Amino acid sequence: MPDTKTSPLPRSNAYSQVDNDLWMIYRKYRPKYPHSLFQRIYTYHIANGGSFDGTAHDAGCGPGITAEILALQFKHLICSDHSESAVAAARDHLLGSNGRTANALFTFKVSSAEDMSWIEPGTIEMVTMSEALHWTDTARTLEAAHRVLKSGGTFAAWYYTQPRFPDSPAIERLFRSLQGHWCKLRKDFSAESGRTLWIEQTGYDCIAFPKSQWVAVNRIKFNTGDDRDIWIRDDDLSGMRYDSRVAESEHLELIEDADWTQTIDLDWMRGWFQSLSPRVDQRRLLETLEQLEKALAPSGQSRAVWPVSLLLASKR
């Protein structure tokens, strides 16, 4: 079992060198973050002494999906990612879609989430990580976030696994088969890409929040039904799972949330798999898509439901 606390991590994960075309596909075909998610985070932030008057830091910003929403709430937003192409995609998207200027609202930085030494200590209201924390050395990332947050500032991270298709066992089977194939590609891509699967398959329960640094730790699971196995991305990799690091003092909430559902079709299926890196072999993808097209008949659509894990913690 790899050690996420001490292992040096090469910058060679599956999204390190992707181009802007993939980030555009990623933005289009990944699930839309519902308004209710951010309202929940903001309510928690205020309840624990946070403010919106200062700066938020979206670490592992990818193409700017979360940053675009945070920019409506905070006066200043830092967008960072260890991938240069991700930061470029975020800059292009945010400055092209937002009426305010870069100097007035955004700061962009190519940097890993484990290194926030370029940010002054105690100056950040909120650090967010959407679909990104598992790509890092989680202990080092939490240390970095703790250092830059103000007292009472919020750390918020969330992760969605692959969607479920409760209305169609046939679609579920085909989708999981192709997703499992991709998991093996990712595991073989690099040691770091393989390591992330261990974290994902705990639903982030392997991530610890030291009591000396964090208070009011909340773990909220959407659409899981308290089923730990729902996080297993590939049945052949079911043994890849860390032990839980959830403390008894933490608050666990299980929620069935229709906001994390959408109606999908074959175009979405194709786009979802094109948004993944490493890329699935086109022949394998097309063969499965043909079978999925038949399974989607006669309406050509199906309901997708995302299991989601949301972590909220306040700096002591």
C-alpha atoms as a PDB file:
ATOM      1  CA  MET A   1       0.000   0.000   0.000  1.00  0.00           C
ATOM      2  CA  PRO A   2       1.558   3.348  -0.985  1.00  0.00           C
ATOM      3  CA  ASP A   3       2.265   5.953   1.687  1.00  0.00           C
ATOM      4  CA  THR A   4       0.459   9.221   0.859  1.00  0.00           C
ATOM      5  CA  LYS A   5       2.185  11.055   3.705  1.00  0.00           C
ATOM      6  CA  THR A   6       5.823  10.642   2.807  1.00  0.00           C
ATOM      7  CA  SER A   7       6.175   9.383  -0.768  1.00  0.00           C
ATOM      8  CA  PRO A   8       7.695  11.945  -3.142  1.00  0.00           C
ATOM      9  CA  LEU A   9       5.170  12.438  -5.922  1.00  0.00           C
ATOM     10  CA  PRO A  10       6.353  12.986  -9.490  1.00  0.00           C
ATOM     11  CA  ARG A  11       4.282  15.416 -11.531  1.00  0.00           C
ATOM     12  CA  SER A  12       3.212  12.646 -13.898  1.00  0.00           C
ATOM     13  CA  ASN A  13      -0.474  12.116 -13.281  1.00  0.00           C
ATOM     14  CA  ALA A  14      -2.837  11.420 -16.143  1.00  0.00           C
ATOM     15  CA  TYR A  15      -3.849  15.078 -16.559  1.00  0.00           C
ATOM     16  CA  SER A  16      -0.384  16.625 -16.447  1.00  0.00           C
ATOM     17  CA  GLN A  17       0.176  17.062 -20.164  1.00  0.00           C
ATOM     18  CA  VAL A  18      -3.317  17.209 -21.674  1.00  0.00           C
ATOM     19  CA  ASP A  19      -4.138  19.952 -24.179  1.00  0.00           C
ATOM     20  CA  ASN A  20      -6.782  22.656 -24.222  1.00  0.00           C
ATOM     21  CA  ASP A  21      -9.090  20.569 -26.423  1.00  0.00           C
ATOM     22  CA  LEU A  22      -9.435  18.002 -23.655  1.00  0.00           C
ATOM     23  CA  TRP A  23     -10.135  20.702 -21.070  1.00  0.00           C
ATOM     24  CA  MET A  24     -12.941  22.017 -23.282  1.00  0.00           C
ATOM     25  CA  ILE A  25     -14.427  18.512 -23.458  1.00  0.00           C
ATOM     26  CA  TYR A  26     -13.929  18.147 -19.710  1.00  0.00           C
ATOM     27  CA  ARG A  27     -15.866  21.335 -19.030  1.00  0.00           C
ATOM     28  CA  LYS A  28     -18.711  20.321 -21.360  1.00  0.00           C
ATOM     29  CA  TYR A  29     -19.266  16.710 -20.333  1.00  0.00           C
ATOM     30  CA  ARG A  30     -18.426  16.532 -16.649  1.00  0.00           C
ATOM     31  CA  PRO A  31     -21.405  16.923 -14.254  1.00  0.00           C
ATOM     32  CA  LYS A  32     -22.503  20.470 -13.566  1.00  0.00           C
ATOM     33  CA  TYR A  33     -21.959  21.507  -9.961  1.00  0.00           C
ATOM     34  CA  PRO A  34     -25.381  22.374  -8.553  1.00  0.00           C
ATOM     35  CA  HIS A  35     -26.154  25.683  -6.892  1.00  0.00           C
ATOM     36  CA  SER A  36     -27.136  23.780  -3.749  1.00  0.00           C
ATOM     37  CA  LEU A  37     -23.576  22.481  -3.350  1.00  0.00           C
ATOM     38  CA  PHE A  38     -22.148  25.974  -3.060  1.00  0.00           C
ATOM     39  CA  GLN A  39     -24.995  27.148  -0.837  1.00  0.00           C
ATOM     40  CA  ARG A  40     -24.149  24.312   1.545  1.00  0.00           C
ATOM     41  CA  ILE A  41     -20.472  25.274   1.533  1.00  0.00           C
ATOM     42  CA  TYR A  42     -21.230  28.970   2.028  1.00  0.00           C
ATOM     43  CA  THR A  43     -23.655  28.283   4.891  1.00  0.00           C
ATOM     44  CA  TYR A  44     -21.001  26.189   6.618  1.00  0.00           C
ATOM     45  CA  HIS A  45     -18.390  28.894   6.008  1.00  0.00           C
ATOM     46  CA  ILE A  46     -20.474  31.628   7.645  1.00  0.00           C
ATOM     47  CA  ALA A  47     -21.561  29.388  10.534  1.00  0.00           C
ATOM     48  CA  ASN A  48     -17.913  28.759  11.452  1.00  0.00           C
ATOM     49  CA  GLY A  49     -16.727  32.348  11.331  1.00  0.00           C
ATOM     50  CA  GLY A  50     -15.803  32.717   7.668  1.00  0.00           C
ATOM     51  CA  SER A  51     -16.214  35.788   5.486  1.00  0.00           C
ATOM     52  CA  PHE A  52     -16.534  36.574   1.775  1.00  0.00           C
ATOM     53  CA  ASP A  53     -14.690  39.891   1.931  1.00  0.00           C
ATOM     54  CA  GLY A  54     -11.277  38.527   1.004  1.00  0.00           C
ATOM     55  CA  THR A  55      -9.633  35.913  -1.209  1.00  0.00           C
ATOM     56  CA  ALA A  56     -10.531  32.334  -2.079  1.00  0.00           C
ATOM     57  CA  HIS A  57      -8.025  29.872  -3.507  1.00  0.00           C
ATOM     58  CA  ASP A  58      -9.227  27.197  -5.941  1.00  0.00           C
ATOM     59  CA  ALA A  59      -6.363  24.677  -5.862  1.00  0.00           C
ATOM     60  CA  GLY A  60      -6.238  22.153  -8.677  1.00  0.00           C
ATOM     61  CA  CYS A  61      -8.485  24.506 -10.617  1.00  0.00           C
ATOM     62  CA  GLY A  62      -8.509  22.522 -13.861  1.00  0.00           C
ATOM     63  CA  PRO A  63     -10.272  24.519 -16.606  1.00  0.00           C
ATOM     64  CA  GLY A  64     -11.929  26.928 -14.149  1.00  0.00           C
ATOM     65  CA  ILE A  65     -15.278  25.231 -13.490  1.00  0.00           C
ATOM     66  CA  THR A  66     -15.377  25.917  -9.748  1.00  0.00           C
ATOM     67  CA  ALA A  67     -13.524  29.224  -9.994  1.00  0.00           C
ATOM     68  CA  GLU A  68     -16.214  30.643 -12.244  1.00  0.00           C
ATOM     69  CA  ILE A  69     -18.814  30.060  -9.535  1.00  0.00           C
ATOM     70  CA  LEU A  70     -16.633  31.231  -6.634  1.00  0.00           C
ATOM     71  CA  ALA A  71     -15.894  34.451  -8.510  1.00  0.00           C
ATOM     72  CA  LEU A  72     -19.512  35.477  -8.020  1.00  0.00           C
ATOM     73  CA  GLN A  73     -19.047  35.355  -4.235  1.00  0.00           C
ATOM     74  CA  PHE A  74     -15.476  36.424  -3.466  1.00  0.00           C
ATOM     75  CA  LYS A  75     -13.740  39.677  -4.307  1.00  0.00           C
ATOM     76  CA  HIS A  76     -10.479  38.015  -5.325  1.00  0.00           C
ATOM     77  CA  LEU A  77      -9.833  34.491  -6.555  1.00  0.00           C
ATOM     78  CA  ILE A  78      -6.568  32.599  -6.928  1.00  0.00           C
ATOM     79  CA  CYS A  79      -6.617  29.790  -9.490  1.00  0.00           C
ATOM     80  CA  SER A  80      -3.746  27.314  -9.302  1.00  0.00           C
ATOM     81  CA  ASP A  81      -2.960  23.950 -10.839  1.00  0.00           C
ATOM     82  CA  HIS A  82       0.240  21.981 -11.341  1.00  0.00           C
ATOM     83  CA  SER A  83      -0.768  21.586 -15.007  1.00  0.00           C
ATOM     84  CA  GLU A  84       0.266  24.545 -17.132  1.00  0.00           C
ATOM     85  CA  SER A  85      -2.386  23.701 -19.732  1.00  0.00           C
ATOM     86  CA  ALA A  86      -5.103  23.670 -17.062  1.00  0.00           C
ATOM     87  CA  VAL A  87      -4.145  27.136 -15.819  1.00  0.00           C
ATOM     88  CA  ALA A  88      -4.084  28.405 -19.400  1.00  0.00           C
ATOM     89  CA  ALA A  89      -7.532  26.906 -20.050  1.00  0.00           C
ATOM     90  CA  ALA A  90      -8.888  28.447 -16.836  1.00  0.00           C
ATOM     91  CA  ARG A  91      -7.463  31.858 -17.716  1.00  0.00           C
ATOM     92  CA  ASP A  92      -8.904  31.764 -21.228  1.00  0.00           C
ATOM     93  CA  HIS A  93     -12.311  30.646 -20.006  1.00  0.00           C
ATOM     94  CA  LEU A  94     -12.633  32.971 -17.027  1.00  0.00           C
ATOM     95  CA  LEU A  95     -11.389  36.103 -18.723  1.00  0.00           C
ATOM     96  CA  GLY A  96     -13.497  35.360 -21.759  1.00  0.00           C
ATOM     97  CA  SER A  97     -16.741  34.770 -19.844  1.00  0.00           C
ATOM     98  CA  ASN A  98     -16.427  37.214 -16.939  1.00  0.00           C
ATOM     99  CA  GLY A  99     -16.833  40.970 -17.311  1.00  0.00           C
ATOM    100  CA  ARG A 100     -14.212  41.873 -14.692  1.00  0.00           C
ATOM    101  CA  THR A 101     -10.510  42.127 -15.447  1.00  0.00           C
ATOM    102  CA  ALA A 102      -7.736  39.799 -14.311  1.00  0.00           C
ATOM    103  CA  ASN A 103      -6.158  42.464 -12.129  1.00  0.00           C
ATOM    104  CA  ALA A 104      -9.464  43.148 -10.366  1.00  0.00           C
ATOM    105  CA  LEU A 105     -10.535  39.562  -9.723  1.00  0.00           C
ATOM    106  CA  PHE A 106      -8.199  36.708 -10.671  1.00  0.00           C
ATOM    107  CA  THR A 107      -4.659  35.567  -9.976  1.00  0.00           C
ATOM    108  CA  PHE A 108      -3.359  32.550 -11.928  1.00  0.00           C
ATOM    109  CA  LYS A 109      -0.478  30.356 -10.801  1.00  0.00           C
ATOM    110  CA  VAL A 110       1.106  27.127 -12.014  1.00  0.00           C
ATOM    111  CA  SER A 111       1.745  25.298  -8.759  1.00  0.00           C
ATOM    112  CA  SER A 112       0.963  22.030  -7.037  1.00  0.00           C
ATOM    113  CA  ALA A 113      -1.594  22.093  -4.236  1.00  0.00           C
ATOM    114  CA  GLU A 114       1.046  20.774  -1.838  1.00  0.00           C
ATOM    115  CA  ASP A 115       2.999  24.016  -2.266  1.00  0.00           C
ATOM    116  CA  MET A 116       1.182  27.203  -1.275  1.00  0.00           C
ATOM    117  CA  SER A 117       4.343  28.865   0.044  1.00  0.00           C
ATOM    118  CA  TRP A 118       3.852  31.702  -2.458  1.00  0.00           C
ATOM    119  CA  ILE A 119       0.682  32.755  -0.574  1.00  0.00           C
ATOM    120  CA  GLU A 120       1.016  34.799   2.612  1.00  0.00           C
ATOM    121  CA  PRO A 121       0.054  32.811   5.732  1.00  0.00           C
ATOM    122  CA  GLY A 122      -3.372  33.471   7.212  1.00  0.00           C
ATOM    123  CA  THR A 123      -4.700  35.485   4.254  1.00  0.00           C
ATOM    124  CA  ILE A 124      -7.203  33.157   2.561  1.00  0.00           C
ATOM    125  CA  GLU A 125     -10.905  32.875   3.407  1.00  0.00           C
ATOM    126  CA  MET A 126     -11.534  29.560   1.648  1.00  0.00           C
ATOM    127  CA  VAL A 127      -9.536  26.859  -0.107  1.00  0.00           C
ATOM    128  CA  THR A 128     -11.503  24.673  -2.510  1.00  0.00           C
ATOM    129  CA  MET A 129     -10.508  21.507  -4.343  1.00  0.00           C
ATOM    130  CA  SER A 130     -13.046  20.033  -6.738  1.00  0.00           C
ATOM    131  CA  GLU A 131     -12.238  16.591  -8.168  1.00  0.00           C
ATOM    132  CA  ALA A 132      -8.578  17.301  -7.386  1.00  0.00           C
ATOM    133  CA  LEU A 133      -7.542  16.374  -3.829  1.00  0.00           C
ATOM    134  CA  HIS A 134      -6.900  12.719  -4.702  1.00  0.00           C
ATOM    135  CA  TRP A 135      -4.254  13.818  -7.225  1.00  0.00           C
ATOM    136  CA  THR A 136      -2.112  15.181  -4.385  1.00  0.00           C
ATOM    137  CA  ASP A 137      -0.231  14.096  -1.306  1.00  0.00           C
ATOM    138  CA  THR A 138      -3.287  14.752   0.827  1.00  0.00           C
ATOM    139  CA  ALA A 139      -1.487  15.295   4.132  1.00  0.00           C
ATOM    140  CA  ARG A 140       0.864  17.870   2.610  1.00  0.00           C
ATOM    141  CA  THR A 141      -2.032  19.585   0.835  1.00  0.00           C
ATOM    142  CA  LEU A 142      -4.000  19.934   4.070  1.00  0.00           C
ATOM    143  CA  GLU A 143      -0.905  21.335   5.791  1.00  0.00           C
ATOM    144  CA  ALA A 144      -0.507  23.894   3.003  1.00  0.00           C
ATOM    145  CA  ALA A 145      -4.190  24.863   3.132  1.00  0.00           C
ATOM    146  CA  HIS A 146      -4.079  25.206   6.924  1.00  0.00           C
ATOM    147  CA  ARG A 147      -1.091  27.529   6.656  1.00  0.00           C
ATOM    148  CA  VAL A 148      -2.716  29.982   4.234  1.00  0.00           C
ATOM    149  CA  LEU A 149      -6.238  30.020   5.691  1.00  0.00           C
ATOM    150  CA  LYS A 150      -7.384  32.625   8.163  1.00  0.00           C
ATOM    151  CA  SER A 151      -8.649  31.393  11.522  1.00  0.00           C
ATOM    152  CA  GLY A 152     -12.197  30.213  10.847  1.00  0.00           C
ATOM    153  CA  GLY A 153     -11.444  29.826   7.151  1.00  0.00           C
ATOM    154  CA  THR A 154     -12.903  26.872   5.286  1.00  0.00           C
ATOM    155  CA  PHE A 155     -11.330  23.968   3.474  1.00  0.00           C
ATOM    156  CA  ALA A 156     -13.853  22.438   1.055  1.00  0.00           C
ATOM    157  CA  ALA A 157     -13.101  19.472  -1.200  1.00  0.00           C
ATOM    158  CA  TRP A 158     -15.435  17.250  -3.134  1.00  0.00           C
ATOM    159  CA  TYR A 159     -15.166  14.213  -5.334  1.00  0.00           C
ATOM    160  CA  TYR A 160     -17.700  12.547  -7.613  1.00  0.00           C
ATOM    161  CA  THR A 161     -17.085   9.016  -8.761  1.00  0.00           C
ATOM    162  CA  GLN A 162     -18.502   7.514 -11.951  1.00  0.00           C
ATOM    163  CA  PRO A 163     -22.270   7.878 -12.312  1.00  0.00           C
ATOM    164  CA  ARG A 164     -24.777   5.129 -11.597  1.00  0.00           C
ATOM    165  CA  PHE A 165     -27.702   4.225 -13.832  1.00  0.00           C
ATOM    166  CA  PRO A 166     -30.411   2.935 -11.473  1.00  0.00           C
ATOM    167  CA  ASP A 167     -33.065   2.691 -14.204  1.00  0.00           C
ATOM    168  CA  SER A 168     -31.078   0.393 -16.503  1.00  0.00           C
ATOM    169  CA  PRO A 169     -28.946  -2.583 -15.365  1.00  0.00           C
ATOM    170  CA  ALA A 170     -27.767  -3.033 -18.964  1.00  0.00           C
ATOM    171  CA  ILE A 171     -26.387   0.519 -19.184  1.00  0.00           C
ATOM    172  CA  GLU A 172     -24.838   0.158 -15.727  1.00  0.00           C
ATOM    173  CA  ARG A 173     -23.050  -3.039 -16.759  1.00  0.00           C
ATOM    174  CA  LEU A 174     -21.723  -1.666 -20.053  1.00  0.00           C
ATOM    175  CA  PHE A 175     -20.650   1.654 -18.567  1.00  0.00           C
ATOM    176  CA  ARG A 176     -18.831  -0.004 -15.637  1.00  0.00           C
ATOM    177  CA  SER A 177     -17.076  -2.387 -18.000  1.00  0.00           C
ATOM    178  CA  LEU A 178     -15.632   0.450 -20.059  1.00  0.00           C
ATOM    179  CA  GLN A 179     -14.882   2.506 -16.947  1.00  0.00           C
ATOM    180  CA  GLY A 180     -13.059  -0.479 -15.447  1.00  0.00           C
ATOM    181  CA  HIS A 181     -10.959  -0.763 -18.600  1.00  0.00           C
ATOM    182  CA  TRP A 182     -10.017   2.915 -18.212  1.00  0.00           C
ATOM    183  CA  CYS A 183      -9.090   2.411 -14.544  1.00  0.00           C
ATOM    184  CA  LYS A 184      -6.539  -0.204 -15.576  1.00  0.00           C
ATOM    185  CA  LEU A 185      -5.115   2.173 -18.187  1.00  0.00           C
ATOM    186  CA  ARG A 186      -4.792   4.858 -15.531  1.00  0.00           C
ATOM    187  CA  LYS A 187      -3.243   2.488 -13.002  1.00  0.00           C
ATOM    188  CA  ASP A 188      -0.590   1.537 -15.554  1.00  0.00           C
ATOM    189  CA  PHE A 189      -0.026   5.126 -16.720  1.00  0.00           C
ATOM    190  CA  SER A 190       2.230   6.044 -13.792  1.00  0.00           C
ATOM    191  CA  ALA A 191       2.771   5.283 -10.123  1.00  0.00           C
ATOM    192  CA  GLU A 192       1.054   8.527  -9.173  1.00  0.00           C
ATOM    193  CA  SER A 193      -1.997   7.928 -11.347  1.00  0.00           C
ATOM    194  CA  GLY A 194      -2.355   4.460  -9.862  1.00  0.00           C
ATOM    195  CA  ARG A 195      -1.970   5.804  -6.328  1.00  0.00           C
ATOM    196  CA  THR A 196      -4.935   8.114  -6.745  1.00  0.00           C
ATOM    197  CA  LEU A 197      -7.274   5.163  -7.237  1.00  0.00           C
ATOM    198  CA  TRP A 198      -6.580   4.065  -3.656  1.00  0.00           C
ATOM    199  CA  ILE A 199      -7.835   7.406  -2.370  1.00  0.00           C
ATOM    200  CA  GLU A 200     -10.856   7.566  -4.668  1.00  0.00           C
ATOM    201  CA  GLN A 201     -12.025   4.115  -3.680  1.00  0.00           C
ATOM    202  CA  THR A 202     -12.439   5.207  -0.056  1.00  0.00           C
ATOM    203  CA  GLY A 203     -14.728   8.089  -0.984  1.00  0.00           C
ATOM    204  CA  TYR A 204     -12.079  10.307   0.691  1.00  0.00           C
ATOM    205  CA  ASP A 205     -12.519   8.508   4.038  1.00  0.00           C
ATOM    206  CA  CYS A 206      -8.757   7.853   4.086  1.00  0.00           C
ATOM    207  CA  ILE A 207      -8.078  11.603   4.423  1.00  0.00           C
ATOM    208  CA  ALA A 208      -7.394  12.661   8.016  1.00  0.00           C
ATOM    209  CA  PHE A 209      -8.010  16.057   9.621  1.00  0.00           C
ATOM    210  CA  PRO A 210      -5.728  16.496  12.671  1.00  0.00           C
ATOM    211  CA  LYS A 211      -7.725  17.794  15.635  1.00  0.00           C
ATOM    212  CA  SER A 212      -4.906  20.178  16.511  1.00  0.00           C
ATOM    213  CA  GLN A 213      -5.526  22.055  13.246  1.00  0.00           C
ATOM    214  CA  TRP A 214      -9.165  21.563  12.236  1.00  0.00           C
ATOM    215  CA  VAL A 215     -12.577  21.841  13.866  1.00  0.00           C
ATOM    216  CA  ALA A 216     -16.178  21.200  12.776  1.00  0.00           C
ATOM    217  CA  VAL A 217     -15.161  18.551  10.265  1.00  0.00           C
ATOM    218  CA  ASN A 218     -18.144  17.478   8.159  1.00  0.00           C
ATOM    219  CA  ARG A 219     -18.232  14.581   5.719  1.00  0.00           C
ATOM    220  CA  ILE A 220     -21.305  14.655   3.511  1.00  0.00           C
ATOM    221  CA  LYS A 221     -22.117  11.785   1.179  1.00  0.00           C
ATOM    222  CA  PHE A 222     -24.610  12.343  -1.606  1.00  0.00           C
ATOM    223  CA  ASN A 223     -26.420   9.436  -3.264  1.00  0.00           C
ATOM    224  CA  THR A 224     -24.441   6.656  -1.579  1.00  0.00           C
ATOM    225  CA  GLY A 225     -26.983   5.050   0.757  1.00  0.00           C
ATOM    226  CA  ASP A 226     -24.093   4.424   3.194  1.00  0.00           C
ATOM    227  CA  ASP A 227     -22.652   1.873   0.741  1.00  0.00           C
ATOM    228  CA  ARG A 228     -18.853   2.045   0.934  1.00  0.00           C
ATOM    229  CA  ASP A 229     -18.553  -0.174  -2.137  1.00  0.00           C
ATOM    230  CA  ILE A 230     -20.220   2.466  -4.279  1.00  0.00           C
ATOM    231  CA  TRP A 231     -16.802   4.142  -4.562  1.00  0.00           C
ATOM    232  CA  ILE A 232     -15.204   1.092  -6.201  1.00  0.00           C
ATOM    233  CA  ARG A 233     -14.354   2.225  -9.713  1.00  0.00           C
ATOM    234  CA  ASP A 234     -13.401  -1.211 -11.015  1.00  0.00           C
ATOM    235  CA  ASP A 235     -14.390  -4.518  -9.417  1.00  0.00           C
ATOM    236  CA  ASP A 236     -10.982  -6.005 -10.262  1.00  0.00           C
ATOM    237  CA  LEU A 237      -9.349  -3.262  -8.167  1.00  0.00           C
ATOM    238  CA  SER A 238     -11.680  -3.621  -5.173  1.00  0.00           C
ATOM    239  CA  GLY A 239      -8.740  -4.497  -2.908  1.00  0.00           C
ATOM    240  CA  MET A 240      -7.218  -1.059  -3.473  1.00  0.00           C
ATOM    241  CA  ARG A 241      -8.613   0.800  -0.498  1.00  0.00           C
ATOM    242  CA  TYR A 242      -7.079   2.571   2.483  1.00  0.00           C
ATOM    243  CA  ASP A 243      -8.442   2.200   5.980  1.00  0.00           C
ATOM    244  CA  SER A 244     -10.859   4.885   7.118  1.00  0.00           C
ATOM    245  CA  ARG A 245      -9.391   7.912   8.917  1.00  0.00           C
ATOM    246  CA  VAL A 246     -12.758   9.333   9.945  1.00  0.00           C
ATOM    247  CA  ALA A 247     -12.653  10.500  13.586  1.00  0.00           C
ATOM    248  CA  GLU A 248     -15.539   9.921  16.000  1.00  0.00           C
ATOM    249  CA  SER A 249     -15.826  13.679  16.560  1.00  0.00           C
ATOM    250  CA  GLU A 250     -16.566  14.345  12.880  1.00  0.00           C
ATOM    251  CA  HIS A 251     -20.084  14.822  11.570  1.00  0.00           C
ATOM    252  CA  LEU A 252     -21.279  12.394   8.877  1.00  0.00           C
ATOM    253  CA  GLU A 253     -24.356  13.192   6.829  1.00  0.00           C
ATOM    254  CA  LEU A 254     -25.962  10.974   4.168  1.00  0.00           C
ATOM    255  CA  ILE A 255     -28.152  12.749   1.637  1.00  0.00           C
ATOM    256  CA  GLU A 256     -30.102  11.595  -1.398  1.00  0.00           C
ATOM    257  CA  ASP A 257     -29.805  14.600  -3.692  1.00  0.00           C
ATOM    258  CA  ALA A 258     -31.571  14.878  -7.027  1.00  0.00           C
ATOM    259  CA  ASP A 259     -29.416  17.921  -7.838  1.00  0.00           C
ATOM    260  CA  TRP A 260     -26.626  15.457  -8.647  1.00  0.00           C
ATOM    261  CA  THR A 261     -28.596  13.761 -11.433  1.00  0.00           C
ATOM    262  CA  GLN A 262     -28.976  14.490 -15.121  1.00  0.00           C
ATOM    263  CA  THR A 263     -30.486  12.958 -18.221  1.00  0.00           C
ATOM    264  CA  ILE A 264     -27.776  11.661 -20.531  1.00  0.00           C
ATOM    265  CA  ASP A 265     -27.637  10.359 -24.098  1.00  0.00           C
ATOM    266  CA  LEU A 266     -25.092   8.713 -26.382  1.00  0.00           C
ATOM    267  CA  ASP A 267     -23.359  12.024 -27.125  1.00  0.00           C
ATOM    268  CA  TRP A 268     -22.828  12.507 -23.398  1.00  0.00           C
ATOM    269  CA  MET A 269     -21.484   8.961 -23.045  1.00  0.00           C
ATOM    270  CA  ARG A 270     -18.970   9.635 -25.804  1.00  0.00           C
ATOM    271  CA  GLY A 271     -17.996  12.988 -24.309  1.00  0.00           C
ATOM    272  CA  TRP A 272     -17.554  11.570 -20.813  1.00  0.00           C
ATOM    273  CA  PHE A 273     -15.024   8.988 -21.971  1.00  0.00           C
ATOM    274  CA  GLN A 274     -13.268  11.519 -24.186  1.00  0.00           C
ATOM    275  CA  SER A 275     -12.841  13.722 -21.088  1.00  0.00           C
ATOM    276  CA  LEU A 276     -10.836  11.012 -19.331  1.00  0.00           C
ATOM    277  CA  SER A 277      -7.079  10.701 -19.447  1.00  0.00           C
ATOM    278  CA  PRO A 278      -5.402   8.476 -20.491  1.00  0.00           C
ATOM    279  CA  ARG A 279      -7.668   8.088 -23.509  1.00  0.00           C
ATOM    280  CA  VAL A 280      -9.633   4.878 -23.964  1.00  0.00           C
ATOM    281  CA  ASP A 281      -8.710   2.978 -27.115  1.00  0.00           C
ATOM    282  CA  GLN A 282     -11.049   4.235 -29.866  1.00  0.00           C
ATOM    283  CA  ARG A 283     -11.938   0.773 -31.124  1.00  0.00           C
ATOM    284  CA  ARG A 284     -12.908  -0.383 -27.652  1.00  0.00           C
ATOM    285  CA  LEU A 285     -14.829   2.850 -27.070  1.00  0.00           C
ATOM    286  CA  LEU A 286     -16.788   2.615 -30.329  1.00  0.00           C
ATOM    287  CA  GLU A 287     -17.684  -1.034 -29.777  1.00  0.00           C
ATOM    288  CA  THR A 288     -19.096  -0.294 -26.326  1.00  0.00           C
ATOM    289  CA  LEU A 289     -20.869   2.846 -27.522  1.00  0.00           C
ATOM    290  CA  GLU A 290     -22.695   0.756 -30.125  1.00  0.00           C
ATOM    291  CA  GLN A 291     -23.946  -1.526 -27.358  1.00  0.00           C
ATOM    292  CA  LEU A 292     -24.861   1.461 -25.185  1.00  0.00           C
ATOM    293  CA  GLU A 293     -26.862   2.953 -28.058  1.00  0.00           C
ATOM    294  CA  LYS A 294     -28.974  -0.197 -28.149  1.00  0.00           C
ATOM    295  CA  ALA A 295     -29.357  -0.175 -24.345  1.00  0.00           C
ATOM    296  CA  LEU A 296     -30.532   3.459 -24.467  1.00  0.00           C
ATOM    297  CA  ALA A 297     -33.352   2.618 -26.887  1.00  0.00           C
ATOM    298  CA  PRO A 298     -36.132   3.469 -27.427  1.00  0.00           C
ATOM    299  CA  SER A 299     -35.885   6.921 -25.831  1.00  0.00           C
ATOM    300  CA  GLY A 300     -32.154   7.357 -26.455  1.00  0.00           C
ATOM    301  CA  GLN A 301     -31.728   8.681 -22.906  1.00  0.00           C
ATOM    302  CA  SER A 302     -31.210   7.510 -19.343  1.00  0.00           C
ATOM    303  CA  ARG A 303     -30.908   8.970 -15.848  1.00  0.00           C
ATOM    304  CA  ALA A 304     -27.392   9.304 -14.408  1.00  0.00           C
ATOM    305  CA  VAL A 305     -26.878   9.695 -10.649  1.00  0.00           C
ATOM    306  CA  TRP A 306     -23.554  10.772  -9.151  1.00  0.00           C
ATOM    307  CA  PRO A 307     -22.319   9.603  -5.765  1.00  0.00           C
ATOM    308  CA  VAL A 308     -20.424  12.537  -4.247  1.00  0.00           C
ATOM    309  CA  SER A 309     -18.233  12.998  -1.171  1.00  0.00           C
ATOM    310  CA  LEU A 310     -17.939  16.532   0.255  1.00  0.00           C
ATOM    311  CA  LEU A 311     -15.378  17.406   2.938  1.00  0.00           C
ATOM    312  CA  LEU A 312     -15.742  20.590   4.996  1.00  0.00           C
ATOM    313  CA  ALA A 313     -13.326  21.669   7.706  1.00  0.00           C
ATOM    314  CA  SER A 314     -12.673  24.934   9.543  1.00  0.00           C
ATOM    315  CA  LYS A 315      -9.208  26.106  10.552  1.00  0.00           C
ATOM    316  CA  ARG A 316      -8.809  26.069  14.311  1.00  0.00           C
END
